[in-house]
Protein backbone atom coordinates (compact mmCIF):
# COMPACT_ATOMS: atom_id res chain seq x y z
CA MET A 1 16.79 13.09 -2.81
CA SER A 2 13.21 11.98 -1.75
CA VAL A 3 10.53 12.53 -4.01
CA VAL A 4 6.87 12.21 -2.45
CA VAL A 5 4.32 10.47 -4.27
CA HIS A 6 0.67 9.82 -3.57
CA SER A 7 -0.39 6.31 -5.25
CA ILE A 8 1.55 3.01 -6.62
CA ARG A 9 1.22 3.64 -10.33
CA PHE A 10 4.89 3.95 -11.37
CA LYS A 11 5.80 3.30 -15.36
CA CYS A 12 9.65 2.73 -14.02
CA PRO A 13 10.47 1.59 -10.70
CA PRO A 14 11.10 4.65 -8.19
CA ASP A 15 14.51 5.48 -6.84
CA ILE A 16 15.87 4.21 -4.08
CA GLY A 17 14.56 6.86 -1.09
CA THR A 18 11.52 7.83 -3.01
CA ILE A 19 8.63 7.99 -0.20
CA LEU A 20 4.63 7.31 -0.35
CA MET A 21 2.44 8.93 1.84
CA LEU A 22 -0.92 7.59 2.40
CA ASP A 23 -3.21 8.76 5.46
CA ALA A 24 -0.52 10.46 7.24
CA GLN A 25 1.73 6.90 6.83
CA ARG A 26 5.04 6.98 5.27
CA TYR A 27 6.27 4.57 3.73
CA GLU A 28 9.48 4.48 1.82
CA VAL A 29 11.11 2.61 -1.14
CA ILE A 30 14.70 0.90 0.25
CA GLY A 31 14.82 -1.92 -2.67
CA ILE A 32 14.10 -3.08 -6.31
CA GLU A 33 13.96 -6.78 -6.74
CA PRO A 34 13.10 -8.66 -10.19
CA TYR A 35 10.47 -11.01 -10.38
CA ILE A 36 9.57 -13.89 -12.51
CA ARG A 37 5.44 -13.93 -12.73
CA ALA A 38 3.54 -17.69 -13.10
CA ASP A 39 3.39 -16.77 -16.80
CA GLY A 40 7.01 -16.56 -17.23
CA SER A 41 7.13 -13.36 -17.44
CA ALA A 42 9.87 -11.31 -16.19
CA SER A 43 9.00 -8.11 -13.51
CA ILE A 44 9.83 -5.84 -10.72
CA LEU A 45 8.83 -5.52 -7.28
CA ILE A 46 9.01 -2.96 -5.38
CA VAL A 47 10.29 -3.36 -1.59
CA TRP A 48 8.89 -0.74 1.05
CA GLN A 49 9.69 0.22 4.52
CA ALA A 50 6.89 1.17 6.60
CA TRP A 51 5.90 1.65 10.37
CA CYS A 52 2.74 -0.58 11.56
CA ALA A 53 0.05 1.36 12.23
CA GLU A 54 -0.68 -0.49 15.52
CA THR A 55 2.90 -0.72 17.20
CA GLY A 56 4.87 1.71 15.00
CA HIS A 57 7.56 -0.87 14.96
CA PRO A 58 9.11 -0.70 11.26
CA PHE A 59 8.39 -3.74 8.38
CA THR A 60 8.86 -4.26 5.05
CA LEU A 61 6.27 -5.12 2.02
CA LYS A 62 6.59 -5.53 -1.61
CA THR A 63 4.07 -4.12 -4.03
CA GLY A 64 4.51 -4.46 -7.74
CA LEU A 65 4.61 -1.13 -10.08
CA VAL A 66 0.88 -0.69 -9.79
CA ALA A 67 -1.00 -1.78 -6.76
CA LYS A 68 -4.67 -1.54 -5.45
CA GLY A 69 -3.84 -1.49 -1.74
CA ILE A 70 -0.76 -1.32 0.65
CA ASN A 71 -0.36 -2.91 3.89
CA ARG A 72 -0.99 -0.67 6.50
CA ARG A 73 0.15 -3.38 9.44
CA CYS A 74 2.71 -5.48 10.04
CA LYS A 75 1.75 -9.20 9.63
CA LYS A 76 1.60 -10.13 13.40
CA HIS A 77 -1.06 -7.30 13.79
CA ALA A 78 -2.98 -7.49 10.36
CA LYS A 79 -6.68 -7.08 10.21
CA PRO A 80 -7.83 -7.80 6.90
CA GLY A 81 -11.42 -5.58 6.56
CA GLN A 82 -10.30 -3.01 9.35
CA ALA A 83 -9.30 0.41 8.78
CA ALA A 84 -6.29 1.49 10.27
CA THR A 85 -6.80 5.25 10.64
CA ARG A 86 -10.05 7.27 11.51
CA ALA A 87 -9.37 8.68 8.01
CA GLY A 88 -9.65 5.04 6.57
CA ALA A 89 -12.97 4.21 8.54
CA MET A 90 -14.73 7.21 7.52
CA ARG A 91 -13.70 6.24 3.63
CA MET A 92 -15.17 2.83 4.43
CA ARG A 93 -17.95 3.92 5.92
CA LYS A 94 -18.78 6.20 3.53
CA TYR A 95 -18.56 3.62 0.75
CA LEU A 96 -20.72 0.89 2.68
CA ARG A 97 -23.50 3.73 2.61
CA LYS A 98 -23.52 4.29 -1.07
CA GLN A 99 -23.40 0.79 -1.47
CA SER A 100 -26.45 -0.05 0.64
CA GLY A 101 -28.53 2.66 -1.49
CA ARG A 102 -27.86 0.87 -4.27
CA ARG A 103 -30.69 -1.59 -6.05
CA HIS A 104 -29.34 -4.86 -7.27
CA VAL A 105 -30.96 -6.31 -10.32
């Protein structure tokens, strides 16, 4: 059974088959891997399967239990700082407008 979530903020690892939807792009948990951090503490990585926003081809990526962002494109088509969808571009423009109106002291 799949569960749909809307953000990457897990307290414990999600079940295999859990689905995350982000701006109509689907990410599915296909695995959980143990991970040792640089400080030596144990952690867990979530292995996701997604489909490139540029070409539609499947690719895999890994995140921690909590992540601020997630790749929308495969490594070959990565475009850092460029929105993958129209909704993402609108959010980016809104954020930049808000930032340009602030006074910097």
